[in-house]
PDB file of N, CA and C in Angstrom:
ATOM      1  N   MET A   1     246.856 169.898 237.005  1.00  0.00           N
ATOM      2  CA  MET A   1     247.770 169.184 236.142  1.00  0.00           C
ATOM      3  C   MET A   1     246.969 168.255 235.238  1.00  0.00           C
ATOM      4  N   ASN A   2     247.334 168.206 233.976  1.00  0.00           N
ATOM      5  CA  ASN A   2     246.638 167.393 232.997  1.00  0.00           C
ATOM      6  C   ASN A   2     247.071 165.938 233.129  1.00  0.00           C
ATOM      7  N   ARG A   3     246.112 165.050 233.399  1.00  0.00           N
ATOM      8  CA  ARG A   3     246.430 163.630 233.546  1.00  0.00           C
ATOM      9  C   ARG A   3     246.536 162.984 232.175  1.00  0.00           C
ATOM     10  N   GLU A   4     247.482 162.066 232.059  1.00  0.00           N
ATOM     11  CA  GLU A   4     247.728 161.364 230.812  1.00  0.00           C
ATOM     12  C   GLU A   4     246.852 160.117 230.748  1.00  0.00           C
ATOM     13  N   SER A   5     246.306 159.838 229.585  1.00  0.00           N
ATOM     14  CA  SER A   5     245.479 158.644 229.429  1.00  0.00           C
ATOM     15  C   SER A   5     246.362 157.396 229.491  1.00  0.00           C
ATOM     16  N   PRO A   6     245.762 156.260 229.811  1.00  0.00           N
ATOM     17  CA  PRO A   6     246.551 155.015 229.855  1.00  0.00           C
ATOM     18  C   PRO A   6     247.193 154.681 228.500  1.00  0.00           C
ATOM     19  N   LEU A   7     246.490 154.973 227.413  1.00  0.00           N
ATOM     20  CA  LEU A   7     247.055 154.717 226.084  1.00  0.00           C
ATOM     21  C   LEU A   7     248.274 155.600 225.839  1.00  0.00           C
ATOM     22  N   ALA A   8     248.183 156.867 226.218  1.00  0.00           N
ATOM     23  CA  ALA A   8     249.323 157.785 226.047  1.00  0.00           C
ATOM     24  C   ALA A   8     250.507 157.330 226.894  1.00  0.00           C
ATOM     25  N   ALA A   9     250.248 156.850 228.090  1.00  0.00           N
ATOM     26  CA  ALA A   9     251.325 156.367 228.951  1.00  0.00           C
ATOM     27  C   ALA A   9     252.005 155.144 228.333  1.00  0.00           C
ATOM     28  N   ARG A  10     251.218 154.260 227.725  1.00  0.00           N
ATOM     29  CA  ARG A  10     251.800 153.085 227.070  1.00  0.00           C
ATOM     30  C   ARG A  10     252.645 153.486 225.867  1.00  0.00           C
ATOM     31  N   VAL A  11     252.121 154.422 225.072  1.00  0.00           N
ATOM     32  CA  VAL A  11     252.878 154.888 223.899  1.00  0.00           C
ATOM     33  C   VAL A  11     254.166 155.565 224.354  1.00  0.00           C
ATOM     34  N   ARG A  12     254.097 156.362 225.418  1.00  0.00           N
ATOM     35  CA  ARG A  12     255.296 157.024 225.943  1.00  0.00           C
ATOM     36  C   ARG A  12     256.324 155.993 226.379  1.00  0.00           C
ATOM     37  N   THR A  13     255.887 154.914 227.032  1.00  0.00           N
ATOM     38  CA  THR A  13     256.794 153.849 227.453  1.00  0.00           C
ATOM     39  C   THR A  13     257.448 153.169 226.255  1.00  0.00           C
ATOM     40  N   VAL A  14     256.682 152.927 225.209  1.00  0.00           N
ATOM     41  CA  VAL A  14     257.236 152.296 224.006  1.00  0.00           C
ATOM     42  C   VAL A  14     258.215 153.244 223.312  1.00  0.00           C
ATOM     43  N   VAL A  15     257.932 154.544 223.320  1.00  0.00           N
ATOM     44  CA  VAL A  15     258.859 155.524 222.740  1.00  0.00           C
ATOM     45  C   VAL A  15     260.195 155.465 223.469  1.00  0.00           C
ATOM     46  N   ILE A  16     260.168 155.459 224.794  1.00  0.00           N
ATOM     47  CA  ILE A  16     261.401 155.417 225.584  1.00  0.00           C
ATOM     48  C   ILE A  16     262.166 154.124 225.295  1.00  0.00           C
ATOM     49  N   GLY A  17     261.455 153.010 225.210  1.00  0.00           N
ATOM     50  CA  GLY A  17     262.101 151.740 224.875  1.00  0.00           C
ATOM     51  C   GLY A  17     262.719 151.757 223.491  1.00  0.00           C
ATOM     52  N   ASN A  18     262.027 152.368 222.545  1.00  0.00           N
ATOM     53  CA  ASN A  18     262.552 152.454 221.181  1.00  0.00           C
ATOM     54  C   ASN A  18     263.793 153.338 221.134  1.00  0.00           C
ATOM     55  N   VAL A  19     263.800 154.431 221.884  1.00  0.00           N
ATOM     56  CA  VAL A  19     264.986 155.290 221.951  1.00  0.00           C
ATOM     57  C   VAL A  19     266.163 154.493 222.507  1.00  0.00           C
ATOM     58  N   ALA A  20     265.928 153.725 223.560  1.00  0.00           N
ATOM     59  CA  ALA A  20     266.998 152.911 224.148  1.00  0.00           C
ATOM     60  C   ALA A  20     267.513 151.876 223.146  1.00  0.00           C
ATOM     61  N   LEU A  21     266.611 151.224 222.429  1.00  0.00           N
ATOM     62  CA  LEU A  21     267.027 150.237 221.437  1.00  0.00           C
ATOM     63  C   LEU A  21     267.791 150.878 220.281  1.00  0.00           C
ATOM     64  N   LEU A  22     267.408 152.088 219.900  1.00  0.00           N
ATOM     65  CA  LEU A  22     268.131 152.790 218.838  1.00  0.00           C
ATOM     66  C   LEU A  22     269.554 153.127 219.277  1.00  0.00           C
ATOM     67  N   VAL A  23     269.721 153.560 220.514  1.00  0.00           N
ATOM     68  CA  VAL A  23     271.064 153.839 221.045  1.00  0.00           C
ATOM     69  C   VAL A  23     271.885 152.551 221.070  1.00  0.00           C
ATOM     70  N   ILE A  24     271.296 151.458 221.514  1.00  0.00           N
ATOM     71  CA  ILE A  24     271.999 150.173 221.556  1.00  0.00           C
ATOM     72  C   ILE A  24     272.383 149.713 220.153  1.00  0.00           C
ATOM     73  N   ALA A  25     271.485 149.889 219.188  1.00  0.00           N
ATOM     74  CA  ALA A  25     271.789 149.495 217.808  1.00  0.00           C
ATOM     75  C   ALA A  25     272.933 150.322 217.238  1.00  0.00           C
ATOM     76  N   LEU A  26     272.949 151.619 217.535  1.00  0.00           N
ATOM     77  CA  LEU A  26     274.050 152.464 217.059  1.00  0.00           C
ATOM     78  C   LEU A  26     275.377 152.046 217.690  1.00  0.00           C
ATOM     79  N   LEU A  27     275.354 151.725 218.982  1.00  0.00           N
ATOM     80  CA  LEU A  27     276.566 151.240 219.652  1.00  0.00           C
ATOM     81  C   LEU A  27     277.031 149.913 219.048  1.00  0.00           C
ATOM     82  N   ALA A  28     276.111 149.008 218.838  1.00  0.00           N
ATOM     83  CA  ALA A  28     276.454 147.699 218.278  1.00  0.00           C
ATOM     84  C   ALA A  28     277.034 147.830 216.880  1.00  0.00           C
ATOM     85  N   TRP A  29     276.515 148.764 216.107  1.00  0.00           N
ATOM     86  CA  TRP A  29     277.007 148.988 214.744  1.00  0.00           C
ATOM     87  C   TRP A  29     278.487 149.367 214.764  1.00  0.00           C
ATOM     88  N   ARG A  30     278.873 150.251 215.661  1.00  0.00           N
ATOM     89  CA  ARG A  30     280.266 150.711 215.704  1.00  0.00           C
ATOM     90  C   ARG A  30     281.170 149.726 216.438  1.00  0.00           C
ATOM     91  N   ILE A  31     280.671 149.016 217.420  1.00  0.00           N
ATOM     92  CA  ILE A  31     281.493 148.074 218.171  1.00  0.00           C
ATOM     93  C   ILE A  31     281.776 146.822 217.346  1.00  0.00           C
ATOM     94  N   ARG A  32     280.892 146.505 216.427  1.00  0.00           N
ATOM     95  CA  ARG A  32     281.012 145.296 215.617  1.00  0.00           C
ATOM     96  C   ARG A  32     282.360 145.189 214.923  1.00  0.00           C
ATOM     97  N   GLY A  33     282.891 146.285 214.423  1.00  0.00           N
ATOM     98  CA  GLY A  33     284.159 146.238 213.710  1.00  0.00           C
ATOM     99  C   GLY A  33     285.332 146.739 214.533  1.00  0.00           C
ATOM    100  N   GLY A  34     285.195 146.796 215.833  1.00  0.00           N
ATOM    101  CA  GLY A  34     286.235 147.362 216.687  1.00  0.00           C
ATOM    102  C   GLY A  34     285.805 148.749 217.127  1.00  0.00           C
ATOM    103  N   PHE A  35     286.329 149.191 218.234  1.00  0.00           N
ATOM    104  CA  PHE A  35     285.895 150.469 218.799  1.00  0.00           C
ATOM    105  C   PHE A  35     287.101 151.374 218.986  1.00  0.00           C
ATOM    106  N   SER A  36     287.023 152.575 218.442  1.00  0.00           N
ATOM    107  CA  SER A  36     288.122 153.528 218.557  1.00  0.00           C
ATOM    108  C   SER A  36     287.590 154.839 219.135  1.00  0.00           C
ATOM    109  N   ILE A  37     288.497 155.784 219.312  1.00  0.00           N
ATOM    110  CA  ILE A  37     288.092 157.108 219.817  1.00  0.00           C
ATOM    111  C   ILE A  37     287.180 157.787 218.800  1.00  0.00           C
ATOM    112  N   ALA A  38     287.482 157.616 217.526  1.00  0.00           N
ATOM    113  CA  ALA A  38     286.639 158.212 216.484  1.00  0.00           C
ATOM    114  C   ALA A  38     285.226 157.627 216.540  1.00  0.00           C
ATOM    115  N   ASP A  39     285.123 156.326 216.797  1.00  0.00           N
ATOM    116  CA  ASP A  39     283.809 155.699 216.935  1.00  0.00           C
ATOM    117  C   ASP A  39     283.061 156.257 218.137  1.00  0.00           C
ATOM    118  N   ALA A  40     283.767 156.466 219.236  1.00  0.00           N
ATOM    119  CA  ALA A  40     283.132 157.020 220.436  1.00  0.00           C
ATOM    120  C   ALA A  40     282.601 158.424 220.167  1.00  0.00           C
ATOM    121  N   VAL A  41     283.371 159.230 219.448  1.00  0.00           N
ATOM    122  CA  VAL A  41     282.926 160.584 219.107  1.00  0.00           C
ATOM    123  C   VAL A  41     281.719 160.516 218.177  1.00  0.00           C
ATOM    124  N   LEU A  42     281.758 159.630 217.194  1.00  0.00           N
ATOM    125  CA  LEU A  42     280.637 159.479 216.266  1.00  0.00           C
ATOM    126  C   LEU A  42     279.370 159.064 217.003  1.00  0.00           C
ATOM    127  N   ILE A  43     279.469 158.091 217.880  1.00  0.00           N
ATOM    128  CA  ILE A  43     278.302 157.641 218.642  1.00  0.00           C
ATOM    129  C   ILE A  43     277.796 158.753 219.553  1.00  0.00           C
ATOM    130  N   ALA A  44     278.716 159.491 220.174  1.00  0.00           N
ATOM    131  CA  ALA A  44     278.296 160.604 221.038  1.00  0.00           C
ATOM    132  C   ALA A  44     277.525 161.655 220.233  1.00  0.00           C
ATOM    133  N   LEU A  45     277.999 161.967 219.036  1.00  0.00           N
ATOM    134  CA  LEU A  45     277.309 162.953 218.203  1.00  0.00           C
ATOM    135  C   LEU A  45     275.970 162.424 217.684  1.00  0.00           C
ATOM    136  N   LEU A  46     275.954 161.155 217.290  1.00  0.00           N
ATOM    137  CA  LEU A  46     274.714 160.581 216.773  1.00  0.00           C
ATOM    138  C   LEU A  46     273.628 160.467 217.843  1.00  0.00           C
ATOM    139  N   THR A  47     274.032 160.164 219.062  1.00  0.00           N
ATOM    140  CA  THR A  47     273.037 159.951 220.111  1.00  0.00           C
ATOM    141  C   THR A  47     272.755 161.203 220.944  1.00  0.00           C
ATOM    142  N   LEU A  48     273.468 162.289 220.701  1.00  0.00           N
ATOM    143  CA  LEU A  48     273.283 163.512 221.484  1.00  0.00           C
ATOM    144  C   LEU A  48     271.829 163.995 221.505  1.00  0.00           C
ATOM    145  N   PRO A  49     271.125 164.058 220.363  1.00  0.00           N
ATOM    146  CA  PRO A  49     269.722 164.495 220.436  1.00  0.00           C
ATOM    147  C   PRO A  49     268.844 163.579 221.294  1.00  0.00           C
ATOM    148  N   LEU A  50     269.156 162.288 221.272  1.00  0.00           N
ATOM    149  CA  LEU A  50     268.372 161.345 222.073  1.00  0.00           C
ATOM    150  C   LEU A  50     268.604 161.570 223.558  1.00  0.00           C
ATOM    151  N   TRP A  51     269.867 161.806 223.946  1.00  0.00           N
ATOM    152  CA  TRP A  51     270.176 162.047 225.355  1.00  0.00           C
ATOM    153  C   TRP A  51     269.596 163.377 225.836  1.00  0.00           C
ATOM    154  N   ILE A  52     269.618 164.383 224.967  1.00  0.00           N
ATOM    155  CA  ILE A  52     269.055 165.687 225.332  1.00  0.00           C
ATOM    156  C   ILE A  52     267.546 165.571 225.551  1.00  0.00           C
ATOM    157  N   ALA A  53     266.882 164.808 224.698  1.00  0.00           N
ATOM    158  CA  ALA A  53     265.423 164.710 224.753  1.00  0.00           C
ATOM    159  C   ALA A  53     264.919 163.758 225.832  1.00  0.00           C
ATOM    160  N   LEU A  54     265.735 162.828 226.259  1.00  0.00           N
ATOM    161  CA  LEU A  54     265.268 161.767 227.157  1.00  0.00           C
ATOM    162  C   LEU A  54     264.550 162.258 228.417  1.00  0.00           C
ATOM    163  N   PRO A  55     265.073 163.228 229.177  1.00  0.00           N
ATOM    164  CA  PRO A  55     264.344 163.655 230.383  1.00  0.00           C
ATOM    165  C   PRO A  55     262.955 164.222 230.074  1.00  0.00           C
ATOM    166  N   LYS A  56     262.839 164.986 229.002  1.00  0.00           N
ATOM    167  CA  LYS A  56     261.544 165.565 228.643  1.00  0.00           C
ATOM    168  C   LYS A  56     260.602 164.513 228.061  1.00  0.00           C
ATOM    169  N   LEU A  57     261.151 163.528 227.354  1.00  0.00           N
ATOM    170  CA  LEU A  57     260.317 162.432 226.872  1.00  0.00           C
ATOM    171  C   LEU A  57     259.749 161.643 228.045  1.00  0.00           C
ATOM    172  N   LEU A  58     260.592 161.407 229.038  1.00  0.00           N
ATOM    173  CA  LEU A  58     260.123 160.693 230.233  1.00  0.00           C
ATOM    174  C   LEU A  58     259.024 161.468 230.947  1.00  0.00           C
ATOM    175  N   ALA A  59     259.122 162.796 230.923  1.00  0.00           N
ATOM    176  CA  ALA A  59     258.127 163.633 231.593  1.00  0.00           C
ATOM    177  C   ALA A  59     256.866 163.821 230.745  1.00  0.00           C
ATOM    178  N   GLY A  60     256.916 163.438 229.479  1.00  0.00           N
ATOM    179  CA  GLY A  60     255.732 163.547 228.625  1.00  0.00           C
ATOM    180  C   GLY A  60     255.489 164.934 228.058  1.00  0.00           C
ATOM    181  N   HIS A  61     256.535 165.719 227.841  1.00  0.00           N
ATOM    182  CA  HIS A  61     256.360 167.062 227.281  1.00  0.00           C
ATOM    183  C   HIS A  61     256.097 166.973 225.785  1.00  0.00           C
ATOM    184  N   ARG A  62     254.959 167.472 225.388  1.00  0.00           N
ATOM    185  CA  ARG A  62     254.547 167.380 223.986  1.00  0.00           C
ATOM    186  C   ARG A  62     255.501 168.101 223.042  1.00  0.00           C
ATOM    187  N   ARG A  63     256.035 169.222 223.449  1.00  0.00           N
ATOM    188  CA  ARG A  63     256.928 169.980 222.571  1.00  0.00           C
ATOM    189  C   ARG A  63     258.170 169.170 222.222  1.00  0.00           C
ATOM    190  N   THR A  64     258.666 168.398 223.176  1.00  0.00           N
ATOM    191  CA  THR A  64     259.830 167.543 222.910  1.00  0.00           C
ATOM    192  C   THR A  64     259.462 166.443 221.928  1.00  0.00           C
ATOM    193  N   TYR A  65     258.283 165.881 222.078  1.00  0.00           N
ATOM    194  CA  TYR A  65     257.833 164.861 221.121  1.00  0.00           C
ATOM    195  C   TYR A  65     257.735 165.461 219.729  1.00  0.00           C
ATOM    196  N   ALA A  66     257.319 166.717 219.640  1.00  0.00           N
ATOM    197  CA  ALA A  66     257.189 167.377 218.335  1.00  0.00           C
ATOM    198  C   ALA A  66     258.562 167.587 217.690  1.00  0.00           C
ATOM    199  N   TRP A  67     259.537 168.124 218.439  1.00  0.00           N
ATOM    200  CA  TRP A  67     260.829 168.370 217.796  1.00  0.00           C
ATOM    201  C   TRP A  67     261.604 167.088 217.570  1.00  0.00           C
ATOM    202  N   MET A  68     261.301 166.058 218.336  1.00  0.00           N
ATOM    203  CA  MET A  68     261.976 164.781 218.107  1.00  0.00           C
ATOM    204  C   MET A  68     261.586 164.157 216.769  1.00  0.00           C
ATOM    205  N   THR A  69     260.397 164.485 216.259  1.00  0.00           N
ATOM    206  CA  THR A  69     260.038 163.977 214.929  1.00  0.00           C
ATOM    207  C   THR A  69     261.026 164.488 213.883  1.00  0.00           C
ATOM    208  N   LEU A  70     261.554 165.681 214.087  1.00  0.00           N
ATOM    209  CA  LEU A  70     262.565 166.222 213.175  1.00  0.00           C
ATOM    210  C   LEU A  70     263.948 165.645 213.462  1.00  0.00           C
ATOM    211  N   ALA A  71     264.230 165.350 214.707  1.00  0.00           N
ATOM    212  CA  ALA A  71     265.540 164.824 215.096  1.00  0.00           C
ATOM    213  C   ALA A  71     265.737 163.370 214.660  1.00  0.00           C
ATOM    214  N   VAL A  72     264.680 162.698 214.251  1.00  0.00           N
ATOM    215  CA  VAL A  72     264.788 161.309 213.791  1.00  0.00           C
ATOM    216  C   VAL A  72     265.353 161.260 212.369  1.00  0.00           C
ATOM    217  N   THR A  73     265.242 162.333 211.630  1.00  0.00           N
ATOM    218  CA  THR A  73     265.669 162.360 210.233  1.00  0.00           C
ATOM    219  C   THR A  73     267.120 161.919 210.021  1.00  0.00           C
ATOM    220  N   PRO A  74     268.096 162.384 210.809  1.00  0.00           N
ATOM    221  CA  PRO A  74     269.475 161.917 210.566  1.00  0.00           C
ATOM    222  C   PRO A  74     269.641 160.403 210.693  1.00  0.00           C
ATOM    223  N   TYR A  75     268.892 159.768 211.574  1.00  0.00           N
ATOM    224  CA  TYR A  75     268.993 158.315 211.716  1.00  0.00           C
ATOM    225  C   TYR A  75     268.465 157.621 210.461  1.00  0.00           C
ATOM    226  N   LEU A  76     267.407 158.167 209.896  1.00  0.00           N
ATOM    227  CA  LEU A  76     266.878 157.625 208.645  1.00  0.00           C
ATOM    228  C   LEU A  76     267.892 157.796 207.520  1.00  0.00           C
ATOM    229  N   VAL A  77     268.506 158.974 207.442  1.00  0.00           N
ATOM    230  CA  VAL A  77     269.484 159.250 206.387  1.00  0.00           C
ATOM    231  C   VAL A  77     270.710 158.345 206.523  1.00  0.00           C
ATOM    232  N   VAL A  78     271.240 158.198 207.733  1.00  0.00           N
ATOM    233  CA  VAL A  78     272.414 157.339 207.946  1.00  0.00           C
ATOM    234  C   VAL A  78     272.082 155.894 207.594  1.00  0.00           C
ATOM    235  N   ALA A  79     270.924 155.427 207.994  1.00  0.00           N
ATOM    236  CA  ALA A  79     270.548 154.040 207.709  1.00  0.00           C
ATOM    237  C   ALA A  79     270.374 153.799 206.210  1.00  0.00           C
ATOM    238  N   ILE A  80     269.734 154.721 205.519  1.00  0.00           N
ATOM    239  CA  ILE A  80     269.555 154.566 204.066  1.00  0.00           C
ATOM    240  C   ILE A  80     270.907 154.636 203.359  1.00  0.00           C
ATOM    241  N   THR A  81     271.761 155.556 203.785  1.00  0.00           N
ATOM    242  CA  THR A  81     273.085 155.677 203.180  1.00  0.00           C
ATOM    243  C   THR A  81     273.901 154.410 203.379  1.00  0.00           C
ATOM    244  N   GLU A  82     273.879 153.862 204.577  1.00  0.00           N
ATOM    245  CA  GLU A  82     274.613 152.627 204.846  1.00  0.00           C
ATOM    246  C   GLU A  82     274.052 151.461 204.042  1.00  0.00           C
ATOM    247  N   ALA A  83     272.755 151.412 203.883  1.00  0.00           N
ATOM    248  CA  ALA A  83     272.142 150.322 203.121  1.00  0.00           C
ATOM    249  C   ALA A  83     272.545 150.370 201.650  1.00  0.00           C
ATOM    250  N   VAL A  84     272.683 151.572 201.114  1.00  0.00           N
ATOM    251  CA  VAL A  84     273.041 151.719 199.703  1.00  0.00           C
ATOM    252  C   VAL A  84     274.547 151.606 199.497  1.00  0.00           C
ATOM    253  N   ALA A  85     275.330 152.252 200.335  1.00  0.00           N
ATOM    254  CA  ALA A  85     276.771 152.363 200.103  1.00  0.00           C
ATOM    255  C   ALA A  85     277.588 151.210 200.673  1.00  0.00           C
ATOM    256  N   ASN A  86     277.072 150.508 201.662  1.00  0.00           N
ATOM    257  CA  ASN A  86     277.868 149.479 202.330  1.00  0.00           C
ATOM    258  C   ASN A  86     277.053 148.187 202.425  1.00  0.00           C
ATOM    259  N   PRO A  87     277.184 147.309 201.444  1.00  0.00           N
ATOM    260  CA  PRO A  87     276.404 146.066 201.468  1.00  0.00           C
ATOM    261  C   PRO A  87     276.639 145.210 202.707  1.00  0.00           C
ATOM    262  N   ALA A  88     277.803 145.302 203.313  1.00  0.00           N
ATOM    263  CA  ALA A  88     278.083 144.498 204.500  1.00  0.00           C
ATOM    264  C   ALA A  88     277.271 144.964 205.708  1.00  0.00           C
ATOM    265  N   SER A  89     276.796 146.196 205.679  1.00  0.00           N
ATOM    266  CA  SER A  89     276.030 146.751 206.806  1.00  0.00           C
ATOM    267  C   SER A  89     274.533 146.787 206.554  1.00  0.00           C
ATOM    268  N   ARG A  90     274.068 146.071 205.562  1.00  0.00           N
ATOM    269  CA  ARG A  90     272.639 146.155 205.226  1.00  0.00           C
ATOM    270  C   ARG A  90     271.736 145.656 206.343  1.00  0.00           C
ATOM    271  N   ALA A  91     272.156 144.638 207.066  1.00  0.00           N
ATOM    272  CA  ALA A  91     271.319 144.137 208.166  1.00  0.00           C
ATOM    273  C   ALA A  91     271.192 145.203 209.249  1.00  0.00           C
ATOM    274  N   TRP A  92     272.322 145.806 209.626  1.00  0.00           N
ATOM    275  CA  TRP A  92     272.282 146.880 210.621  1.00  0.00           C
ATOM    276  C   TRP A  92     271.468 148.052 210.105  1.00  0.00           C
ATOM    277  N   ALA A  93     271.697 148.426 208.856  1.00  0.00           N
ATOM    278  CA  ALA A  93     270.993 149.573 208.290  1.00  0.00           C
ATOM    279  C   ALA A  93     269.484 149.328 208.256  1.00  0.00           C
ATOM    280  N   GLY A  94     269.084 148.120 207.901  1.00  0.00           N
ATOM    281  CA  GLY A  94     267.660 147.801 207.891  1.00  0.00           C
ATOM    282  C   GLY A  94     267.052 147.871 209.280  1.00  0.00           C
ATOM    283  N   LEU A  95     267.787 147.364 210.272  1.00  0.00           N
ATOM    284  CA  LEU A  95     267.316 147.415 211.655  1.00  0.00           C
ATOM    285  C   LEU A  95     267.164 148.861 212.130  1.00  0.00           C
ATOM    286  N   CYS A  96     268.184 149.667 211.898  1.00  0.00           N
ATOM    287  CA  CYS A  96     268.117 151.071 212.330  1.00  0.00           C
ATOM    288  C   CYS A  96     267.051 151.846 211.558  1.00  0.00           C
ATOM    289  N   LEU A  97     266.889 151.530 210.286  1.00  0.00           N
ATOM    290  CA  LEU A  97     265.855 152.192 209.494  1.00  0.00           C
ATOM    291  C   LEU A  97     264.468 151.873 210.053  1.00  0.00           C
ATOM    292  N   MET A  98     264.227 150.616 210.364  1.00  0.00           N
ATOM    293  CA  MET A  98     262.929 150.234 210.931  1.00  0.00           C
ATOM    294  C   MET A  98     262.717 150.879 212.301  1.00  0.00           C
ATOM    295  N   MET A  99     263.754 150.905 213.122  1.00  0.00           N
ATOM    296  CA  MET A  99     263.621 151.484 214.461  1.00  0.00           C
ATOM    297  C   MET A  99     263.402 152.994 214.389  1.00  0.00           C
ATOM    298  N   ALA A 100     264.104 153.674 213.490  1.00  0.00           N
ATOM    299  CA  ALA A 100     263.932 155.121 213.351  1.00  0.00           C
ATOM    300  C   ALA A 100     262.537 155.440 212.814  1.00  0.00           C
ATOM    301  N   PHE A 101     262.074 154.664 211.845  1.00  0.00           N
ATOM    302  CA  PHE A 101     260.732 154.894 211.319  1.00  0.00           C
ATOM    303  C   PHE A 101     259.678 154.608 212.378  1.00  0.00           C
ATOM    304  N   LEU A 102     259.855 153.531 213.141  1.00  0.00           N
ATOM    305  CA  LEU A 102     258.933 153.221 214.234  1.00  0.00           C
ATOM    306  C   LEU A 102     258.932 154.332 215.274  1.00  0.00           C
ATOM    307  N   LEU A 103     260.103 154.866 215.589  1.00  0.00           N
ATOM    308  CA  LEU A 103     260.177 155.974 216.541  1.00  0.00           C
ATOM    309  C   LEU A 103     259.404 157.181 216.022  1.00  0.00           C
ATOM    310  N   PHE A 104     259.547 157.491 214.746  1.00  0.00           N
ATOM    311  CA  PHE A 104     258.810 158.608 214.158  1.00  0.00           C
ATOM    312  C   PHE A 104     257.305 158.380 214.274  1.00  0.00           C
ATOM    313  N   VAL A 105     256.860 157.186 213.928  1.00  0.00           N
ATOM    314  CA  VAL A 105     255.427 156.870 213.997  1.00  0.00           C
ATOM    315  C   VAL A 105     254.918 156.957 215.435  1.00  0.00           C
ATOM    316  N   LEU A 106     255.689 156.457 216.380  1.00  0.00           N
ATOM    317  CA  LEU A 106     255.284 156.504 217.791  1.00  0.00           C
ATOM    318  C   LEU A 106     255.233 157.935 218.311  1.00  0.00           C
ATOM    319  N   LEU A 107     256.189 158.772 217.907  1.00  0.00           N
ATOM    320  CA  LEU A 107     256.175 160.175 218.324  1.00  0.00           C
ATOM    321  C   LEU A 107     254.924 160.881 217.815  1.00  0.00           C
ATOM    322  N   VAL A 108     254.594 160.652 216.558  1.00  0.00           N
ATOM    323  CA  VAL A 108     253.389 161.265 215.982  1.00  0.00           C
ATOM    324  C   VAL A 108     252.141 160.712 216.664  1.00  0.00           C
ATOM    325  N   ALA A 109     252.137 159.410 216.944  1.00  0.00           N
ATOM    326  CA  ALA A 109     250.979 158.812 217.625  1.00  0.00           C
ATOM    327  C   ALA A 109     250.784 159.436 219.002  1.00  0.00           C
ATOM    328  N   TYR A 110     251.871 159.618 219.744  1.00  0.00           N
ATOM    329  CA  TYR A 110     251.761 160.253 221.070  1.00  0.00           C
ATOM    330  C   TYR A 110     251.197 161.665 220.940  1.00  0.00           C
ATOM    331  N   LEU A 111     251.675 162.409 219.954  1.00  0.00           N
ATOM    332  CA  LEU A 111     251.169 163.774 219.765  1.00  0.00           C
ATOM    333  C   LEU A 111     249.686 163.780 219.421  1.00  0.00           C
ATOM    334  N   ARG A 112     249.250 162.842 218.620  1.00  0.00           N
ATOM    335  CA  ARG A 112     247.830 162.780 218.252  1.00  0.00           C
ATOM    336  C   ARG A 112     246.961 162.336 219.437  1.00  0.00           C
ATOM    337  N   ILE A 113     247.467 161.407 220.218  1.00  0.00           N
ATOM    338  CA  ILE A 113     246.696 160.910 221.359  1.00  0.00           C
ATOM    339  C   ILE A 113     246.544 161.984 222.432  1.00  0.00           C
ATOM    340  N   THR A 114     247.588 162.778 222.628  1.00  0.00           N
ATOM    341  CA  THR A 114     247.577 163.740 223.742  1.00  0.00           C
ATOM    342  C   THR A 114     247.151 165.144 223.336  1.00  0.00           C
ATOM    343  N   ARG A 115     246.768 165.353 222.099  1.00  0.00           N
ATOM    344  CA  ARG A 115     246.395 166.713 221.717  1.00  0.00           C
ATOM    345  C   ARG A 115     245.086 167.107 222.384  1.00  0.00           C
ATOM    346  N   ALA A 116     244.976 168.399 222.626  1.00  0.00           N
ATOM    347  CA  ALA A 116     243.772 168.919 223.275  1.00  0.00           C
ATOM    348  C   ALA A 116     242.630 168.941 222.272  1.00  0.00           C
ATOM    349  N   VAL A 117     241.480 168.511 222.721  1.00  0.00           N
ATOM    350  CA  VAL A 117     240.289 168.533 221.875  1.00  0.00           C
ATOM    351  C   VAL A 117     239.648 169.909 222.020  1.00  0.00           C
ATOM    352  N   PRO A 118     239.487 170.618 220.901  1.00  0.00           N
ATOM    353  CA  PRO A 118     238.875 171.939 221.021  1.00  0.00           C
ATOM    354  C   PRO A 118     237.435 171.835 221.507  1.00  0.00           C
ATOM    355  N   THR A 119     237.071 172.724 222.387  1.00  0.00           N
ATOM    356  CA  THR A 119     235.702 172.732 222.890  1.00  0.00           C
ATOM    357  C   THR A 119     234.906 173.772 222.131  1.00  0.00           C
ATOM    358  N   LEU A 120     233.692 173.401 221.786  1.00  0.00           N
ATOM    359  CA  LEU A 120     232.808 174.324 221.096  1.00  0.00           C
ATOM    360  C   LEU A 120     232.069 175.166 222.119  1.00  0.00           C
ATOM    361  N   PRO A 121     231.861 176.426 221.788  1.00  0.00           N
ATOM    362  CA  PRO A 121     231.093 177.246 222.724  1.00  0.00           C
ATOM    363  C   PRO A 121     229.668 176.732 222.850  1.00  0.00           C
ATOM    364  N   SER A 122     229.148 176.837 224.047  1.00  0.00           N
ATOM    365  CA  SER A 122     227.800 176.365 224.286  1.00  0.00           C
ATOM    366  C   SER A 122     226.805 177.200 223.485  1.00  0.00           C
ATOM    367  N   GLN A 123     225.798 176.537 222.948  1.00  0.00           N
ATOM    368  CA  GLN A 123     224.803 177.252 222.146  1.00  0.00           C
ATOM    369  C   GLN A 123     223.808 177.981 223.004  1.00  0.00           C
ATOM    370  N   THR A 124     223.800 177.717 224.311  1.00  0.00           N
ATOM    371  CA  THR A 124     222.849 178.389 225.184  1.00  0.00           C
ATOM    372  C   THR A 124     223.373 179.748 225.659  1.00  0.00           C
ATOM    373  N   GLU A 125     224.672 179.978 225.513  1.00  0.00           N
ATOM    374  CA  GLU A 125     225.208 181.255 225.943  1.00  0.00           C
ATOM    375  C   GLU A 125     224.920 182.327 224.902  1.00  0.00           C
ATOM    376  N   PRO A 126     224.705 183.578 225.338  1.00  0.00           N
ATOM    377  CA  PRO A 126     224.399 184.641 224.366  1.00  0.00           C
ATOM    378  C   PRO A 126     225.601 185.078 223.601  1.00  0.00           C
TER     379      PRO A 126
END
C-alpha cells in the first residue's frame, strides 16, 4: 500500500474542512431568508457532488480529487452569478467564491503532491 506523505495528509485534511465549510455556507445562504422545501431541494442538489465525493476524499483516492476539480465549477458559477445579479448577496457570494476557488487550488495541490514520480531506467542495465 502506498503511504501518504505528511504534507499530503495535511492537504487532504484541509480539503475535507473546506468541503464542510462550503456545505455550511450554502446552507447559511438559503436559511438566511427563511427555509422552504424548495430551498431544501436546491441545497440537496447543490451539495450532492460533495456528499458523493466525501468518502473517497477521506480515503485519499486521487481519481476523486481529479474529478472534483470539475465539480467545483458550478459553485464558482453560482457565486459569480449571485455577486452580479443580487447585490444583497454579495457578501455570501464572495465567501462562496473564495471557498470554491480555495477548494479547487487545494484539490490540484493534493494531486501534484501525490503524483507518482517517474523513474528513469538504470543506465547500467543493457
